[in-house]
């Protein structure tokens, strides 16, 4: 009986391993690209100091240390290599922590806390992504967590400056041609 058990256990083991490997590839994705390292975000003032020279659009990430969606955005979206390359090519980046109320930032003649400035930029929750001109003029904001594909579409719309000539819907239609 021992030989019989061994005879049947090898194919069952092979089948179990095959099913496990197939399911692992299915569950964990078949993407071969590795994630990029997490972004080390400069502060709000540093973003505008860099934009003064580069003339790039500024992306401000408004976040909170207690925000689970912010963590998800940082680990699942901002770590995508294509997104990071585009982000660094087209934008100056910075962050505002919505939780900080006792710091002082100067912006357009005002001295505000991070929380007050984030609120002034329209961030009513986190995460919020704010897009601004290099001179500090407001472009738009994107509230909440957005999956990679959707977020990357918005980055491309703003980063290519297509927003100046067309609506987002027109941009997306032109991308499908």
Protein backbone atom coordinates (compact mmCIF):
# COMPACT_ATOMS: atom_id res chain seq x y z
CA UNK A 1 0.00 0.00 0.00
CA UNK A 2 2.94 2.33 0.65
CA UNK A 3 4.07 2.11 -2.98
CA UNK A 4 0.53 2.79 -4.13
CA UNK A 5 0.33 5.96 -1.99
CA UNK A 6 3.64 7.21 -3.42
CA UNK A 7 2.45 6.47 -6.93
CA UNK A 8 -0.65 8.64 -6.48
CA UNK A 9 0.95 11.35 -4.32
CA UNK A 10 3.51 12.50 -6.94
CA UNK A 11 0.92 13.50 -9.56
CA UNK A 12 -1.23 15.10 -6.86
CA UNK A 13 1.76 17.06 -5.56
CA UNK A 14 2.64 18.19 -9.09
CA UNK A 15 -0.97 19.18 -9.71
CA UNK A 16 -1.15 21.09 -6.41
CA UNK A 17 2.08 22.97 -7.17
CA UNK A 18 0.91 23.79 -10.69
CA UNK A 19 -2.40 25.12 -9.40
CA UNK A 20 -0.60 27.10 -6.66
CA UNK A 21 1.87 28.70 -9.09
CA UNK A 22 -0.86 29.52 -11.60
CA UNK A 23 -3.05 31.05 -8.90
CA UNK A 24 -0.11 32.99 -7.44
CA UNK A 25 0.61 34.53 -10.84
CA UNK A 26 -3.07 35.31 -11.26
CA UNK A 27 -3.58 36.73 -7.77
CA UNK A 28 -0.37 38.72 -7.58
CA UNK A 29 -0.32 39.86 -11.18
CA UNK A 30 1.82 38.95 -14.12
CA UNK A 31 3.52 42.31 -14.32
CA UNK A 32 7.24 41.84 -14.72
CA UNK A 33 8.23 45.42 -13.96
CA UNK A 34 9.39 46.18 -10.47
CA UNK A 35 8.03 49.06 -8.50
CA UNK A 36 10.08 52.21 -8.21
CA UNK A 37 11.19 53.37 -4.77
CA UNK A 38 8.79 55.51 -2.82
CA UNK A 39 9.12 59.21 -3.49
CA UNK A 40 11.00 61.36 -1.02
CA UNK A 41 8.78 64.43 -1.14
CA UNK A 42 10.23 67.91 -0.86
CA UNK A 43 8.24 70.47 1.08
CA UNK A 44 5.81 72.97 -0.37
CA UNK A 45 8.31 75.86 -0.43
CA UNK A 46 11.02 73.68 -2.02
CA UNK A 47 8.65 72.74 -4.84
CA UNK A 48 8.07 76.39 -5.72
CA UNK A 49 11.74 77.28 -5.35
CA UNK A 50 12.54 74.58 -7.94
CA UNK A 51 9.65 75.66 -10.18
CA UNK A 52 10.98 79.21 -10.22
CA UNK A 53 13.96 77.94 -12.25
CA UNK A 54 12.38 75.04 -14.16
CA UNK A 55 9.03 76.73 -14.95
CA UNK A 56 7.37 73.32 -14.53
CA UNK A 57 3.86 72.81 -13.22
CA UNK A 58 3.81 72.11 -9.49
CA UNK A 59 2.05 69.07 -8.05
CA UNK A 60 1.30 69.30 -4.33
CA UNK A 61 0.35 66.13 -2.49
CA UNK A 62 -1.87 66.99 0.47
CA UNK A 63 -1.76 64.10 2.93
CA UNK A 64 -2.23 63.06 6.54
CA UNK A 65 -0.22 60.58 8.58
CA UNK A 66 -3.46 58.86 9.64
CA UNK A 67 -4.83 58.54 6.10
CA UNK A 68 -4.90 54.96 4.84
CA UNK A 69 -5.76 56.08 1.30
CA UNK A 70 -2.68 58.35 1.33
CA UNK A 71 -0.49 55.36 2.17
CA UNK A 72 -2.15 53.35 -0.59
CA UNK A 73 -1.54 56.19 -3.07
CA UNK A 74 2.14 56.33 -2.07
CA UNK A 75 2.77 52.58 -2.24
CA UNK A 76 0.55 51.53 -5.17
CA UNK A 77 0.37 54.56 -7.46
CA UNK A 78 3.40 56.77 -6.96
CA UNK A 79 5.71 53.72 -7.13
CA UNK A 80 4.77 52.89 -10.72
CA UNK A 81 7.95 53.43 -12.81
CA UNK A 82 6.22 55.02 -15.84
CA UNK A 83 4.26 57.37 -13.63
CA UNK A 84 7.38 58.39 -11.69
CA UNK A 85 9.36 59.07 -14.85
CA UNK A 86 6.59 61.27 -16.24
CA UNK A 87 6.09 62.97 -12.89
CA UNK A 88 9.78 63.90 -12.53
CA UNK A 89 10.03 65.01 -16.18
CA UNK A 90 6.97 67.27 -16.18
CA UNK A 91 6.40 68.47 -12.60
CA UNK A 92 8.01 69.93 -9.55
CA UNK A 93 6.57 68.13 -6.56
CA UNK A 94 5.93 69.00 -2.94
CA UNK A 95 3.80 68.01 0.02
CA UNK A 96 1.56 69.54 2.62
CA UNK A 97 0.61 67.62 5.76
CA UNK A 98 -2.99 68.47 6.60
CA UNK A 99 -2.34 67.57 10.26
CA UNK A 100 0.26 70.29 10.89
CA UNK A 101 -1.19 73.43 12.44
CA UNK A 102 1.84 74.97 14.17
CA UNK A 103 4.25 75.57 11.28
CA UNK A 104 4.52 78.66 9.11
CA UNK A 105 4.66 78.76 5.35
CA UNK A 106 4.81 81.88 3.22
CA UNK A 107 2.80 81.87 0.03
CA UNK A 108 1.80 84.85 -2.11
CA UNK A 109 2.23 87.32 0.71
CA UNK A 110 0.43 85.21 3.32
CA UNK A 111 1.88 83.33 6.28
CA UNK A 112 -0.14 80.20 6.97
CA UNK A 113 0.14 76.80 8.61
CA UNK A 114 0.25 73.73 6.39
CA UNK A 115 -3.35 72.97 7.35
CA UNK A 116 -4.55 76.48 6.53
CA UNK A 117 -2.70 76.53 3.21
CA UNK A 118 -4.06 73.10 2.25
CA UNK A 119 -7.56 74.33 3.04
CA UNK A 120 -6.96 77.48 1.02
CA UNK A 121 -6.00 75.29 -1.93
CA UNK A 122 -9.32 73.46 -1.63
CA UNK A 123 -8.19 70.31 0.16
CA UNK A 124 -11.09 69.26 2.35
CA UNK A 125 -9.72 65.77 2.89
CA UNK A 126 -6.82 63.52 2.05
CA UNK A 127 -5.34 62.59 -0.25
CA UNK A 128 -5.77 65.64 -2.44
CA UNK A 129 -3.52 66.42 -5.39
CA UNK A 130 -3.24 70.12 -6.22
CA UNK A 131 -1.85 71.33 -9.55
CA UNK A 132 -0.42 74.85 -9.77
CA UNK A 133 1.54 77.00 -12.19
CA UNK A 134 5.20 77.68 -11.42
CA UNK A 135 4.22 81.19 -10.27
CA UNK A 136 1.69 79.78 -7.78
CA UNK A 137 -1.47 80.27 -9.83
CA UNK A 138 -4.04 77.57 -9.17
CA UNK A 139 -4.84 75.10 -11.99
CA UNK A 140 -7.05 72.42 -10.40
CA UNK A 141 -7.19 69.73 -7.75
CA UNK A 142 -8.00 66.04 -7.65
CA UNK A 143 -9.66 64.81 -4.46
CA UNK A 144 -9.24 61.31 -3.08
CA UNK A 145 -7.41 58.13 -4.01
CA UNK A 146 -7.27 57.18 -7.68
CA UNK A 147 -5.91 53.94 -9.12
CA UNK A 148 -2.77 54.09 -11.27
CA UNK A 149 -4.44 54.20 -14.71
CA UNK A 150 -6.88 56.96 -13.80
CA UNK A 151 -4.30 59.00 -11.93
CA UNK A 152 -1.77 58.65 -14.75
CA UNK A 153 -4.38 59.90 -17.25
CA UNK A 154 -4.86 63.04 -15.15
CA UNK A 155 -1.09 63.53 -14.81
CA UNK A 156 -0.67 63.28 -18.57
CA UNK A 157 -3.55 65.71 -19.17
CA UNK A 158 -2.02 68.31 -16.85
CA UNK A 159 1.66 67.53 -17.52
CA UNK A 160 1.36 67.83 -21.30
CA UNK A 161 -0.54 71.09 -20.73
CA UNK A 162 -3.45 69.72 -22.75
CA UNK A 163 -5.76 71.30 -20.15
CA UNK A 164 -5.01 74.66 -21.76
CA UNK A 165 -6.64 73.69 -25.08
CA UNK A 166 -9.19 70.96 -24.39
CA UNK A 167 -11.38 69.28 -21.82
CA UNK A 168 -10.33 66.09 -20.10
CA UNK A 169 -12.95 64.20 -22.12
CA UNK A 170 -11.49 65.54 -25.37
CA UNK A 171 -8.00 64.61 -24.20
CA UNK A 172 -9.06 61.04 -23.41
CA UNK A 173 -10.82 60.74 -26.79
CA UNK A 174 -7.68 61.98 -28.56
CA UNK A 175 -5.59 59.39 -26.67
CA UNK A 176 -7.75 56.54 -27.99
CA UNK A 177 -7.22 57.44 -31.65
